[in-house]
């Protein structure tokens, strides 16, 4: 789950939990909304932790091109 989909789940969940007042018989939309919100928050935290760990390490210029010893000007 990526950051955008996590934020989308949080938004949809909060809308269902706090703004929608519809009775669908056996389905409690408020509970479904809170469940989506919690799943979105867990996904957001997991996405941020994974994004933080997967950054590549970039070598410095000295590691790629080691400094060379000066040459004797006679050659």
Protein backbone atom coordinates (compact mmCIF):
# COMPACT_ATOMS: atom_id res chain seq x y z
CA UNK A 1 0.00 0.00 0.00
CA UNK A 2 1.44 3.35 -0.98
CA UNK A 3 1.10 6.72 0.71
CA UNK A 4 -1.64 7.96 -1.62
CA UNK A 5 -3.86 4.93 -1.19
CA UNK A 6 -3.37 5.08 2.58
CA UNK A 7 -4.48 8.71 2.67
CA UNK A 8 -7.43 7.79 0.45
CA UNK A 9 -8.50 5.02 2.85
CA UNK A 10 -8.21 7.40 5.78
CA UNK A 11 -10.34 10.00 4.00
CA UNK A 12 -13.02 7.53 2.93
CA UNK A 13 -13.06 5.95 6.37
CA UNK A 14 -13.48 9.27 8.15
CA UNK A 15 -16.25 10.30 5.76
CA UNK A 16 -18.10 7.04 6.42
CA UNK A 17 -17.51 7.23 10.17
CA UNK A 18 -18.33 10.88 10.76
CA UNK A 19 -20.48 12.23 7.94
CA UNK A 20 -22.68 9.49 6.50
CA UNK A 21 -25.90 8.74 8.35
CA UNK A 22 -27.55 6.00 6.27
CA UNK A 23 -29.15 2.84 7.65
CA UNK A 24 -28.33 -0.18 5.47
CA UNK A 25 -29.93 -2.85 7.64
CA UNK A 26 -27.16 -5.21 8.73
CA UNK A 27 -24.17 -3.01 7.83
CA UNK A 28 -22.86 -0.48 10.32
CA UNK A 29 -21.23 2.18 8.10
CA UNK A 30 -19.73 3.96 11.10
CA UNK A 31 -17.83 0.82 12.11
CA UNK A 32 -16.74 0.20 8.52
CA UNK A 33 -15.47 3.78 8.38
CA UNK A 34 -13.41 3.41 11.54
CA UNK A 35 -11.97 0.12 10.29
CA UNK A 36 -10.93 1.75 7.00
CA UNK A 37 -9.40 4.64 8.91
CA UNK A 38 -7.31 2.34 11.11
CA UNK A 39 -6.19 0.28 8.10
CA UNK A 40 -5.22 3.48 6.29
CA UNK A 41 -3.20 4.74 9.26
CA UNK A 42 -1.37 1.42 9.60
CA UNK A 43 -0.66 1.43 5.85
CA UNK A 44 0.59 5.02 5.99
CA UNK A 45 3.00 4.25 8.83
CA UNK A 46 4.24 1.12 7.04
CA UNK A 47 4.68 3.04 3.77
CA UNK A 48 6.69 5.78 5.46
CA UNK A 49 8.92 3.27 7.24
CA UNK A 50 9.57 1.30 4.05
CA UNK A 51 10.21 4.45 2.03
CA UNK A 52 12.72 5.60 4.61
CA UNK A 53 14.65 2.31 4.52
CA UNK A 54 14.81 1.90 0.75
CA UNK A 55 16.80 5.03 -0.05
CA UNK A 56 19.99 4.14 -1.89
CA UNK A 57 23.38 5.10 -0.53
CA UNK A 58 25.25 7.29 -2.98
CA UNK A 59 29.03 7.04 -3.09
CA UNK A 60 31.09 10.19 -2.75
CA UNK A 61 33.38 11.35 -5.51
CA UNK A 62 36.47 10.05 -3.69
CA UNK A 63 34.97 6.57 -3.47
CA UNK A 64 34.19 6.45 -7.18
CA UNK A 65 37.38 8.16 -8.38
CA UNK A 66 40.14 7.69 -5.79
CA UNK A 67 42.71 10.48 -5.65
CA UNK A 68 45.66 9.81 -7.91
CA UNK A 69 49.28 10.20 -6.94
CA UNK A 70 51.09 13.05 -8.68
CA UNK A 71 53.21 11.96 -11.62
CA UNK A 72 56.80 12.87 -12.19
CA UNK A 73 56.81 15.65 -14.83
CA UNK A 74 59.75 14.05 -16.62
CA UNK A 75 57.58 11.26 -18.05
